[in-house]
Amino acid sequence: MNVAILQGPEQLNKQLLRSLQSHQIKGDLISQINKIVLIRYDFLIVSSEQRPKIPSRVLEQIVLEKQIVLVYIHHQSNITDLHNLINDPYFLLVSKVSVIETLPSILLTIFKWQREVRVLKRELKETSLKLRDIQNNLKAKRILMGKGLSEIDAHNWIQKAAMDKRCKKSDIVNLIIEEKIDID
């Protein structure tokens, strides 16, 4: 896990780095936010004390792109310009009073959550592809059944055509749907 800390007050920087290192979390101080930071790191820590330098629209864009979790350390309860980010899972609001004690465990928990989400997204993509193949296969069978074949004969026709042409069944299915294969 890699954490980028936008340089802020020296004392806060040291405290954050010490806290992260005590939990074997790699933390780097950065001087500016750029695309490389958004790609290389899992978390970006910004302090409310740096806000005059960073417009709220920049922070909103970072959160909306969902490439990196933005950890916003605040020392006051008034963050009205960031209110629309409060419920976003890529925005974490942490009080400056409790940040040193709670931040490492929060980051570890979120990092585990992100890994699980990535696995679920991959599984969803694979399942969606399988479902699309099944739907296309059924559509091709319906087309063949419309030409007078039974469902079993349509299935066998697709299999035989794939073997004869030495290609995948999905290729034959697509050719049937696109009406680019002679069915007679």
N, C-alpha and C. Protein backbone atom coordinates (compact mmCIF):
# COMPACT_ATOMS: atom_id res chain seq x y z
N MET A 1 0.84 -1.17 0.00
CA MET A 1 0.00 0.00 0.00
C MET A 1 0.89 1.24 0.00
N ASN A 2 0.58 2.17 -0.88
CA ASN A 2 1.35 3.41 -0.99
C ASN A 2 0.46 4.60 -0.68
N VAL A 3 0.98 5.49 0.16
CA VAL A 3 0.24 6.67 0.58
C VAL A 3 1.03 7.91 0.22
N ALA A 4 0.37 8.85 -0.45
CA ALA A 4 0.99 10.14 -0.77
C ALA A 4 0.45 11.17 0.22
N ILE A 5 1.35 11.93 0.80
CA ILE A 5 0.97 12.98 1.75
C ILE A 5 1.36 14.31 1.13
N LEU A 6 0.37 15.13 0.82
CA LEU A 6 0.66 16.45 0.28
C LEU A 6 1.30 17.27 1.39
N GLN A 7 2.48 17.79 1.10
CA GLN A 7 3.23 18.51 2.13
C GLN A 7 2.39 19.61 2.74
N GLY A 8 2.37 19.57 4.07
CA GLY A 8 1.64 20.57 4.84
C GLY A 8 2.52 21.03 5.98
N PRO A 9 1.90 21.32 7.11
CA PRO A 9 2.70 21.73 8.26
C PRO A 9 3.73 20.65 8.62
N GLU A 10 4.94 21.06 8.89
CA GLU A 10 6.05 20.14 9.14
C GLU A 10 5.75 19.14 10.26
N GLN A 11 5.15 19.62 11.33
CA GLN A 11 4.86 18.73 12.46
C GLN A 11 3.85 17.65 12.06
N LEU A 12 2.81 18.05 11.32
CA LEU A 12 1.81 17.08 10.87
C LEU A 12 2.45 16.07 9.92
N ASN A 13 3.29 16.53 9.01
CA ASN A 13 3.98 15.62 8.08
C ASN A 13 4.75 14.55 8.84
N LYS A 14 5.53 14.98 9.84
CA LYS A 14 6.34 14.03 10.63
C LYS A 14 5.45 13.05 11.38
N GLN A 15 4.38 13.56 11.98
CA GLN A 15 3.48 12.68 12.73
C GLN A 15 2.83 11.64 11.82
N LEU A 16 2.38 12.08 10.66
CA LEU A 16 1.75 11.15 9.72
C LEU A 16 2.73 10.08 9.26
N LEU A 17 3.93 10.49 8.87
CA LEU A 17 4.94 9.53 8.41
C LEU A 17 5.29 8.53 9.50
N ARG A 18 5.48 9.01 10.73
CA ARG A 18 5.79 8.11 11.86
C ARG A 18 4.65 7.13 12.10
N SER A 19 3.43 7.63 12.08
CA SER A 19 2.26 6.78 12.33
C SER A 19 2.13 5.70 11.26
N LEU A 20 2.33 6.09 10.00
CA LEU A 20 2.23 5.11 8.92
C LEU A 20 3.35 4.08 9.01
N GLN A 21 4.57 4.55 9.23
CA GLN A 21 5.72 3.64 9.30
C GLN A 21 5.58 2.64 10.45
N SER A 22 4.97 3.06 11.55
CA SER A 22 4.80 2.14 12.69
C SER A 22 3.85 0.99 12.34
N HIS A 23 3.08 1.15 11.27
CA HIS A 23 2.18 0.09 10.81
C HIS A 23 2.63 -0.50 9.46
N GLN A 24 3.89 -0.31 9.12
CA GLN A 24 4.48 -0.81 7.88
C GLN A 24 3.72 -0.35 6.64
N ILE A 25 3.29 0.91 6.66
CA ILE A 25 2.63 1.51 5.50
C ILE A 25 3.60 2.51 4.90
N LYS A 26 3.81 2.41 3.59
CA LYS A 26 4.75 3.31 2.91
C LYS A 26 4.07 4.65 2.66
N GLY A 27 4.68 5.70 3.19
CA GLY A 27 4.16 7.05 2.99
C GLY A 27 5.22 7.95 2.40
N ASP A 28 4.86 8.73 1.39
CA ASP A 28 5.79 9.66 0.75
C ASP A 28 5.20 11.06 0.79
N LEU A 29 6.06 12.04 1.07
CA LEU A 29 5.66 13.44 0.97
C LEU A 29 5.74 13.87 -0.49
N ILE A 30 4.71 14.55 -0.94
CA ILE A 30 4.71 15.07 -2.31
C ILE A 30 4.46 16.57 -2.25
N SER A 31 4.96 17.27 -3.24
CA SER A 31 4.81 18.73 -3.24
C SER A 31 3.61 19.19 -4.06
N GLN A 32 3.14 18.34 -4.98
CA GLN A 32 1.99 18.71 -5.80
C GLN A 32 1.22 17.47 -6.21
N ILE A 33 -0.02 17.68 -6.60
CA ILE A 33 -0.88 16.60 -7.07
C ILE A 33 -0.83 16.59 -8.59
N ASN A 34 -0.47 15.42 -9.15
CA ASN A 34 -0.46 15.29 -10.61
C ASN A 34 -0.93 13.88 -10.98
N LYS A 35 -0.98 13.60 -12.26
CA LYS A 35 -1.49 12.30 -12.73
C LYS A 35 -0.64 11.13 -12.22
N ILE A 36 0.66 11.33 -12.12
CA ILE A 36 1.54 10.27 -11.64
C ILE A 36 1.18 9.89 -10.21
N VAL A 37 0.90 10.89 -9.39
CA VAL A 37 0.49 10.62 -8.00
C VAL A 37 -0.80 9.81 -7.99
N LEU A 38 -1.75 10.18 -8.84
CA LEU A 38 -3.04 9.50 -8.86
C LEU A 38 -2.92 8.05 -9.33
N ILE A 39 -1.89 7.77 -10.13
CA ILE A 39 -1.69 6.41 -10.63
C ILE A 39 -0.86 5.58 -9.66
N ARG A 40 0.20 6.16 -9.11
CA ARG A 40 1.17 5.42 -8.31
C ARG A 40 0.69 5.09 -6.89
N TYR A 41 -0.16 5.94 -6.33
CA TYR A 41 -0.53 5.78 -4.92
C TYR A 41 -1.96 5.28 -4.77
N ASP A 42 -2.20 4.63 -3.61
CA ASP A 42 -3.53 4.13 -3.28
C ASP A 42 -4.35 5.18 -2.52
N PHE A 43 -3.65 6.05 -1.78
CA PHE A 43 -4.30 7.07 -0.97
C PHE A 43 -3.56 8.39 -1.12
N LEU A 44 -4.33 9.47 -1.05
CA LEU A 44 -3.76 10.82 -1.05
C LEU A 44 -4.26 11.52 0.20
N ILE A 45 -3.33 11.98 1.03
CA ILE A 45 -3.70 12.68 2.26
C ILE A 45 -3.49 14.17 2.05
N VAL A 46 -4.56 14.93 2.31
CA VAL A 46 -4.53 16.39 2.19
C VAL A 46 -5.06 16.96 3.50
N SER A 47 -4.41 18.00 3.97
CA SER A 47 -4.84 18.66 5.20
C SER A 47 -5.64 19.91 4.87
N SER A 48 -6.61 20.22 5.71
CA SER A 48 -7.42 21.43 5.51
C SER A 48 -6.55 22.68 5.58
N GLU A 49 -5.41 22.59 6.19
CA GLU A 49 -4.51 23.74 6.28
C GLU A 49 -3.88 24.07 4.93
N GLN A 50 -3.99 23.17 3.97
CA GLN A 50 -3.45 23.41 2.63
C GLN A 50 -4.52 23.93 1.67
N ARG A 51 -5.73 24.07 2.12
CA ARG A 51 -6.85 24.41 1.26
C ARG A 51 -6.69 25.69 0.46
N PRO A 52 -6.11 26.75 0.97
CA PRO A 52 -6.00 27.92 0.10
C PRO A 52 -5.25 27.63 -1.20
N LYS A 53 -4.36 26.64 -1.16
CA LYS A 53 -3.58 26.28 -2.35
C LYS A 53 -4.37 25.38 -3.30
N ILE A 54 -5.33 24.62 -2.77
CA ILE A 54 -6.04 23.62 -3.57
C ILE A 54 -7.52 23.95 -3.62
N PRO A 55 -8.03 24.28 -4.79
CA PRO A 55 -9.47 24.57 -4.91
C PRO A 55 -10.31 23.31 -4.67
N SER A 56 -11.50 23.49 -4.14
CA SER A 56 -12.36 22.34 -3.84
C SER A 56 -12.72 21.57 -5.10
N ARG A 57 -12.80 22.23 -6.26
CA ARG A 57 -13.14 21.52 -7.51
C ARG A 57 -12.06 20.50 -7.88
N VAL A 58 -10.79 20.79 -7.52
CA VAL A 58 -9.70 19.84 -7.78
C VAL A 58 -9.88 18.61 -6.91
N LEU A 59 -10.20 18.82 -5.64
CA LEU A 59 -10.43 17.68 -4.74
C LEU A 59 -11.66 16.87 -5.19
N GLU A 60 -12.70 17.57 -5.61
CA GLU A 60 -13.90 16.87 -6.10
C GLU A 60 -13.57 16.02 -7.32
N GLN A 61 -12.79 16.55 -8.23
CA GLN A 61 -12.43 15.81 -9.44
C GLN A 61 -11.63 14.55 -9.08
N ILE A 62 -10.72 14.66 -8.14
CA ILE A 62 -9.93 13.50 -7.71
C ILE A 62 -10.85 12.40 -7.19
N VAL A 63 -11.82 12.79 -6.36
CA VAL A 63 -12.74 11.80 -5.80
C VAL A 63 -13.64 11.21 -6.88
N LEU A 64 -14.14 12.04 -7.78
CA LEU A 64 -15.05 11.56 -8.82
C LEU A 64 -14.37 10.62 -9.81
N GLU A 65 -13.07 10.81 -10.04
CA GLU A 65 -12.35 9.92 -10.96
C GLU A 65 -12.15 8.53 -10.37
N LYS A 66 -12.27 8.40 -9.07
CA LYS A 66 -12.19 7.12 -8.36
C LYS A 66 -10.91 6.33 -8.66
N GLN A 67 -9.81 7.04 -8.82
CA GLN A 67 -8.53 6.38 -9.02
C GLN A 67 -7.79 6.22 -7.70
N ILE A 68 -8.09 7.08 -6.75
CA ILE A 68 -7.35 7.12 -5.50
C ILE A 68 -8.31 7.59 -4.40
N VAL A 69 -8.11 7.08 -3.19
CA VAL A 69 -8.93 7.53 -2.06
C VAL A 69 -8.31 8.81 -1.51
N LEU A 70 -9.13 9.82 -1.37
CA LEU A 70 -8.68 11.10 -0.83
C LEU A 70 -8.99 11.14 0.65
N VAL A 71 -7.95 11.27 1.47
CA VAL A 71 -8.10 11.39 2.92
C VAL A 71 -7.95 12.87 3.24
N TYR A 72 -8.99 13.45 3.77
CA TYR A 72 -8.99 14.88 4.06
C TYR A 72 -8.95 15.08 5.57
N ILE A 73 -7.86 15.64 6.04
CA ILE A 73 -7.69 15.90 7.47
C ILE A 73 -8.17 17.31 7.74
N HIS A 74 -9.16 17.41 8.61
CA HIS A 74 -9.70 18.74 8.91
C HIS A 74 -9.51 19.08 10.38
N HIS A 75 -9.38 20.34 10.68
CA HIS A 75 -9.24 20.77 12.06
C HIS A 75 -10.43 21.62 12.49
N GLN A 76 -11.43 21.65 11.66
CA GLN A 76 -12.66 22.37 11.99
C GLN A 76 -13.83 21.57 11.44
N SER A 77 -15.01 21.83 11.96
CA SER A 77 -16.17 21.05 11.53
C SER A 77 -16.82 21.62 10.27
N ASN A 78 -16.40 22.78 9.82
CA ASN A 78 -17.02 23.43 8.68
C ASN A 78 -16.29 23.09 7.38
N ILE A 79 -16.88 22.21 6.60
CA ILE A 79 -16.31 21.87 5.28
C ILE A 79 -17.41 21.97 4.23
N THR A 80 -18.14 23.04 4.27
CA THR A 80 -19.31 23.19 3.40
C THR A 80 -18.99 23.05 1.93
N ASP A 81 -17.82 23.47 1.48
CA ASP A 81 -17.52 23.38 0.05
C ASP A 81 -17.23 21.95 -0.40
N LEU A 82 -17.07 21.01 0.53
CA LEU A 82 -16.85 19.61 0.18
C LEU A 82 -18.01 18.72 0.63
N HIS A 83 -19.15 19.31 0.97
CA HIS A 83 -20.27 18.55 1.52
C HIS A 83 -20.77 17.46 0.58
N ASN A 84 -20.67 17.65 -0.72
CA ASN A 84 -21.17 16.64 -1.66
C ASN A 84 -20.26 15.41 -1.75
N LEU A 85 -19.10 15.44 -1.12
CA LEU A 85 -18.19 14.29 -1.13
C LEU A 85 -18.33 13.41 0.11
N ILE A 86 -19.03 13.88 1.10
CA ILE A 86 -19.08 13.21 2.40
C ILE A 86 -19.44 11.73 2.30
N ASN A 87 -20.39 11.35 1.49
CA ASN A 87 -20.82 9.95 1.42
C ASN A 87 -20.13 9.14 0.32
N ASP A 88 -19.17 9.72 -0.33
CA ASP A 88 -18.46 9.01 -1.40
C ASP A 88 -17.42 8.07 -0.78
N PRO A 89 -17.37 6.81 -1.22
CA PRO A 89 -16.40 5.87 -0.64
C PRO A 89 -14.95 6.22 -0.96
N TYR A 90 -14.72 7.13 -1.89
CA TYR A 90 -13.35 7.54 -2.22
C TYR A 90 -12.96 8.83 -1.51
N PHE A 91 -13.76 9.24 -0.55
CA PHE A 91 -13.46 10.43 0.25
C PHE A 91 -13.56 10.06 1.71
N LEU A 92 -12.48 10.29 2.43
CA LEU A 92 -12.44 9.95 3.85
C LEU A 92 -12.13 11.22 4.62
N LEU A 93 -13.03 11.58 5.50
CA LEU A 93 -12.88 12.78 6.32
C LEU A 93 -12.41 12.35 7.70
N VAL A 94 -11.24 12.87 8.11
CA VAL A 94 -10.66 12.48 9.40
C VAL A 94 -10.34 13.75 10.18
N SER A 95 -10.69 13.72 11.45
CA SER A 95 -10.40 14.86 12.31
C SER A 95 -8.91 14.90 12.64
N LYS A 96 -8.36 16.11 12.65
CA LYS A 96 -6.93 16.27 12.95
C LYS A 96 -6.61 15.76 14.36
N VAL A 97 -7.57 15.86 15.26
CA VAL A 97 -7.37 15.43 16.64
C VAL A 97 -7.09 13.93 16.72
N SER A 98 -7.79 13.14 15.89
CA SER A 98 -7.66 11.68 16.00
C SER A 98 -6.88 11.04 14.87
N VAL A 99 -6.36 11.81 13.94
CA VAL A 99 -5.75 11.25 12.74
C VAL A 99 -4.56 10.35 13.04
N ILE A 100 -3.70 10.72 13.93
CA ILE A 100 -2.48 9.95 14.18
C ILE A 100 -2.83 8.56 14.73
N GLU A 101 -3.83 8.48 15.59
CA GLU A 101 -4.18 7.18 16.19
C GLU A 101 -5.02 6.31 15.26
N THR A 102 -5.90 6.93 14.48
CA THR A 102 -6.86 6.13 13.71
C THR A 102 -6.50 5.91 12.24
N LEU A 103 -5.71 6.80 11.67
CA LEU A 103 -5.45 6.73 10.23
C LEU A 103 -4.90 5.39 9.74
N PRO A 104 -3.85 4.83 10.35
CA PRO A 104 -3.32 3.56 9.80
C PRO A 104 -4.35 2.44 9.75
N SER A 105 -5.13 2.27 10.81
CA SER A 105 -6.12 1.18 10.79
C SER A 105 -7.22 1.46 9.77
N ILE A 106 -7.59 2.71 9.60
CA ILE A 106 -8.60 3.05 8.60
C ILE A 106 -8.07 2.75 7.20
N LEU A 107 -6.83 3.15 6.93
CA LEU A 107 -6.24 2.91 5.60
C LEU A 107 -6.15 1.42 5.31
N LEU A 108 -5.73 0.64 6.30
CA LEU A 108 -5.62 -0.81 6.09
C LEU A 108 -6.99 -1.42 5.79
N THR A 109 -8.01 -0.97 6.50
CA THR A 109 -9.36 -1.48 6.26
C THR A 109 -9.84 -1.11 4.86
N ILE A 110 -9.65 0.12 4.47
CA ILE A 110 -10.08 0.55 3.14
C ILE A 110 -9.30 -0.18 2.05
N PHE A 111 -8.01 -0.39 2.27
CA PHE A 111 -7.19 -1.09 1.28
C PHE A 111 -7.71 -2.51 1.08
N LYS A 112 -8.06 -3.20 2.16
CA LYS A 112 -8.63 -4.55 2.05
C LYS A 112 -9.96 -4.49 1.30
N TRP A 113 -10.78 -3.49 1.60
CA TRP A 113 -12.06 -3.32 0.93
C TRP A 113 -11.85 -3.12 -0.56
N GLN A 114 -10.87 -2.29 -0.93
CA GLN A 114 -10.60 -2.04 -2.34
C GLN A 114 -10.19 -3.32 -3.07
N ARG A 115 -9.38 -4.14 -2.42
CA ARG A 115 -8.98 -5.41 -3.04
C ARG A 115 -10.19 -6.28 -3.30
N GLU A 116 -11.08 -6.35 -2.32
CA GLU A 116 -12.29 -7.16 -2.49
C GLU A 116 -13.16 -6.60 -3.62
N VAL A 117 -13.26 -5.29 -3.70
CA VAL A 117 -14.05 -4.67 -4.76
C VAL A 117 -13.45 -4.99 -6.13
N ARG A 118 -12.12 -4.94 -6.24
CA ARG A 118 -11.47 -5.27 -7.52
C ARG A 118 -11.77 -6.72 -7.92
N VAL A 119 -11.74 -7.63 -6.96
CA VAL A 119 -12.06 -9.03 -7.26
C VAL A 119 -13.51 -9.15 -7.72
N LEU A 120 -14.41 -8.47 -7.02
CA LEU A 120 -15.82 -8.53 -7.39
C LEU A 120 -16.07 -7.91 -8.77
N LYS A 121 -15.38 -6.83 -9.09
CA LYS A 121 -15.52 -6.22 -10.41
C LYS A 121 -15.05 -7.17 -11.50
N ARG A 122 -13.93 -7.87 -11.25
CA ARG A 122 -13.42 -8.83 -12.23
C ARG A 122 -14.42 -9.97 -12.41
N GLU A 123 -14.97 -10.47 -11.30
CA GLU A 123 -15.96 -11.54 -11.38
C GLU A 123 -17.22 -11.08 -12.10
N LEU A 124 -17.64 -9.84 -11.84
CA LEU A 124 -18.82 -9.29 -12.52
C LEU A 124 -18.58 -9.20 -14.02
N LYS A 125 -17.40 -8.77 -14.41
CA LYS A 125 -17.08 -8.67 -15.83
C LYS A 125 -17.12 -10.04 -16.49
N GLU A 126 -16.50 -11.03 -15.83
CA GLU A 126 -16.49 -12.39 -16.38
C GLU A 126 -17.91 -12.94 -16.49
N THR A 127 -18.71 -12.72 -15.46
CA THR A 127 -20.09 -13.21 -15.45
C THR A 127 -20.92 -12.51 -16.52
N SER A 128 -20.69 -11.21 -16.70
CA SER A 128 -21.42 -10.47 -17.74
C SER A 128 -21.08 -11.00 -19.12
N LEU A 129 -19.81 -11.32 -19.34
CA LEU A 129 -19.41 -11.89 -20.64
C LEU A 129 -20.06 -13.25 -20.87
N LYS A 130 -20.10 -14.08 -19.82
CA LYS A 130 -20.74 -15.39 -19.95
C LYS A 130 -22.23 -15.24 -20.24
N LEU A 131 -22.88 -14.30 -19.54
CA LEU A 131 -24.31 -14.06 -19.76
C LEU A 131 -24.56 -13.59 -21.19
N ARG A 132 -23.71 -12.69 -21.69
CA ARG A 132 -23.86 -12.21 -23.07
C ARG A 132 -23.73 -13.37 -24.06
N ASP A 133 -22.76 -14.27 -23.80
CA ASP A 133 -22.59 -15.43 -24.68
C ASP A 133 -23.82 -16.33 -24.66
N ILE A 134 -24.37 -16.54 -23.48
CA ILE A 134 -25.58 -17.38 -23.36
C ILE A 134 -26.74 -16.73 -24.10
N GLN A 135 -26.91 -15.42 -23.92
CA GLN A 135 -28.00 -14.71 -24.61
C GLN A 135 -27.84 -14.77 -26.13
N ASN A 136 -26.61 -14.59 -26.60
CA ASN A 136 -26.36 -14.68 -28.05
C ASN A 136 -26.63 -16.08 -28.57
N ASN A 137 -26.20 -17.08 -27.79
CA ASN A 137 -26.43 -18.47 -28.18
C ASN A 137 -27.93 -18.75 -28.30
N LEU A 138 -28.70 -18.27 -27.33
CA LEU A 138 -30.15 -18.47 -27.38
C LEU A 138 -30.77 -17.73 -28.57
N LYS A 139 -30.28 -16.55 -28.84
CA LYS A 139 -30.79 -15.76 -29.98
C LYS A 139 -30.51 -16.49 -31.29
N ALA A 140 -29.30 -17.03 -31.43
CA ALA A 140 -28.94 -17.77 -32.64
C ALA A 140 -29.82 -19.02 -32.78
N LYS A 141 -30.07 -19.71 -31.67
CA LYS A 141 -30.93 -20.88 -31.72
C LYS A 141 -32.35 -20.49 -32.15
N ARG A 142 -32.85 -19.35 -31.63
CA ARG A 142 -34.19 -18.91 -32.02
C ARG A 142 -34.24 -18.62 -33.53
N ILE A 143 -33.18 -18.04 -34.05
CA ILE A 143 -33.13 -17.76 -35.50
C ILE A 143 -33.19 -19.08 -36.28
N LEU A 144 -32.40 -20.05 -35.84
CA LEU A 144 -32.41 -21.36 -36.52
C LEU A 144 -33.75 -22.06 -36.36
N MET A 145 -34.36 -21.92 -35.18
CA MET A 145 -35.66 -22.53 -34.95
C MET A 145 -36.72 -21.87 -35.84
N GLY A 146 -36.54 -20.58 -36.12
CA GLY A 146 -37.43 -19.88 -37.04
C GLY A 146 -37.32 -20.41 -38.45
N LYS A 147 -36.21 -21.07 -38.77
CA LYS A 147 -35.99 -21.67 -40.11
C LYS A 147 -36.46 -23.12 -40.15
N GLY A 148 -37.08 -23.59 -39.03
CA GLY A 148 -37.66 -24.92 -39.03
C GLY A 148 -36.90 -25.97 -38.23
N LEU A 149 -35.79 -25.63 -37.62
CA LEU A 149 -35.05 -26.61 -36.82
C LEU A 149 -35.62 -26.69 -35.41
N SER A 150 -35.47 -27.86 -34.79
CA SER A 150 -35.83 -27.97 -33.37
C SER A 150 -34.69 -27.37 -32.54
N GLU A 151 -34.91 -27.21 -31.25
CA GLU A 151 -33.85 -26.62 -30.42
C GLU A 151 -32.61 -27.51 -30.41
N ILE A 152 -32.81 -28.81 -30.33
CA ILE A 152 -31.68 -29.75 -30.33
C ILE A 152 -30.95 -29.69 -31.66
N ASP A 153 -31.71 -29.66 -32.76
CA ASP A 153 -31.09 -29.58 -34.08
C ASP A 153 -30.34 -28.26 -34.26
N ALA A 154 -30.89 -27.17 -33.72
CA ALA A 154 -30.22 -25.87 -33.80
C ALA A 154 -28.89 -25.92 -33.04
N HIS A 155 -28.92 -26.52 -31.86
CA HIS A 155 -27.70 -26.67 -31.06
C HIS A 155 -26.66 -27.50 -31.82
N ASN A 156 -27.10 -28.61 -32.35
CA ASN A 156 -26.19 -29.49 -33.10
C ASN A 156 -25.66 -28.79 -34.35
N TRP A 157 -26.52 -28.01 -35.03
CA TRP A 157 -26.09 -27.29 -36.23
C TRP A 157 -24.97 -26.30 -35.90
N ILE A 158 -25.12 -25.58 -34.78
CA ILE A 158 -24.09 -24.61 -34.36
C ILE A 158 -22.78 -25.34 -34.06
N GLN A 159 -22.87 -26.45 -33.33
CA GLN A 159 -21.66 -27.21 -33.00
C GLN A 159 -20.97 -27.74 -34.27
N LYS A 160 -21.76 -28.31 -35.17
CA LYS A 160 -21.19 -28.88 -36.40
C LYS A 160 -20.56 -27.79 -37.26
N ALA A 161 -21.23 -26.63 -37.37
CA ALA A 161 -20.70 -25.52 -38.17
C ALA A 161 -19.37 -25.03 -37.58
N ALA A 162 -19.29 -24.99 -36.26
CA ALA A 162 -18.04 -24.55 -35.61
C ALA A 162 -16.92 -25.56 -35.88
N MET A 163 -17.25 -26.85 -35.83
CA MET A 163 -16.22 -27.87 -36.11
C MET A 163 -15.81 -27.83 -37.58
N ASP A 164 -16.79 -27.71 -38.46
CA ASP A 164 -16.48 -27.69 -39.89
C ASP A 164 -15.61 -26.49 -40.26
N LYS A 165 -15.89 -25.35 -39.68
CA LYS A 165 -15.13 -24.14 -40.01
C LYS A 165 -13.91 -23.95 -39.11
N ARG A 166 -13.76 -24.86 -38.14
CA ARG A 166 -12.64 -24.82 -37.20
C ARG A 166 -12.55 -23.46 -36.50
N CYS A 167 -13.66 -23.08 -35.92
CA CYS A 167 -13.70 -21.82 -35.17
C CYS A 167 -14.55 -22.03 -33.91
N LYS A 168 -14.64 -21.01 -33.12
CA LYS A 168 -15.40 -21.09 -31.86
C LYS A 168 -16.90 -21.07 -32.15
N LYS A 169 -17.63 -21.67 -31.23
CA LYS A 169 -19.09 -21.62 -31.34
C LYS A 169 -19.59 -20.19 -31.31
N SER A 170 -18.94 -19.36 -30.49
CA SER A 170 -19.38 -17.96 -30.38
C SER A 170 -19.23 -17.24 -31.72
N ASP A 171 -18.22 -17.62 -32.51
CA ASP A 171 -18.06 -17.00 -33.83
C ASP A 171 -19.23 -17.38 -34.75
N ILE A 172 -19.61 -18.65 -34.72
CA ILE A 172 -20.75 -19.11 -35.53
C ILE A 172 -22.03 -18.43 -35.06
N VAL A 173 -22.21 -18.35 -33.75
CA VAL A 173 -23.39 -17.70 -33.19
C VAL A 173 -23.48 -16.26 -33.70
N ASN A 174 -22.36 -15.54 -33.66
CA ASN A 174 -22.35 -14.14 -34.12
C ASN A 174 -22.67 -14.06 -35.62
N LEU A 175 -22.14 -15.00 -36.40
CA LEU A 175 -22.43 -15.01 -37.84
C LEU A 175 -23.92 -15.26 -38.10
N ILE A 176 -24.53 -16.12 -37.29
CA ILE A 176 -25.96 -16.40 -37.44
C ILE A 176 -26.77 -15.13 -37.12
N ILE A 177 -26.42 -14.49 -36.00
CA ILE A 177 -27.14 -13.29 -35.59
C ILE A 177 -26.98 -12.17 -36.62
N GLU A 178 -25.78 -12.03 -37.18
CA GLU A 178 -25.51 -10.99 -38.17
C GLU A 178 -25.97 -11.40 -39.58
N GLU A 179 -26.53 -12.61 -39.70
CA GLU A 179 -27.01 -13.15 -40.97
C GLU A 179 -25.92 -13.17 -42.01
N LYS A 180 -24.73 -13.60 -41.59
CA LYS A 180 -23.58 -13.68 -42.50
C LYS A 180 -23.17 -15.12 -42.78
N ILE A 181 -24.03 -16.05 -42.46
CA ILE A 181 -23.73 -17.46 -42.71
C ILE A 181 -24.96 -18.10 -43.36
N ASP A 182 -24.69 -19.00 -44.27
CA ASP A 182 -25.76 -19.69 -44.98
C ASP A 182 -26.31 -20.79 -44.06
N ILE A 183 -27.57 -20.70 -43.74
CA ILE A 183 -28.17 -21.64 -42.78
C ILE A 183 -28.80 -22.84 -43.47
N ASP A 184 -29.09 -22.73 -44.72
CA ASP A 184 -29.80 -23.80 -45.44
C ASP A 184 -29.04 -25.03 -45.50
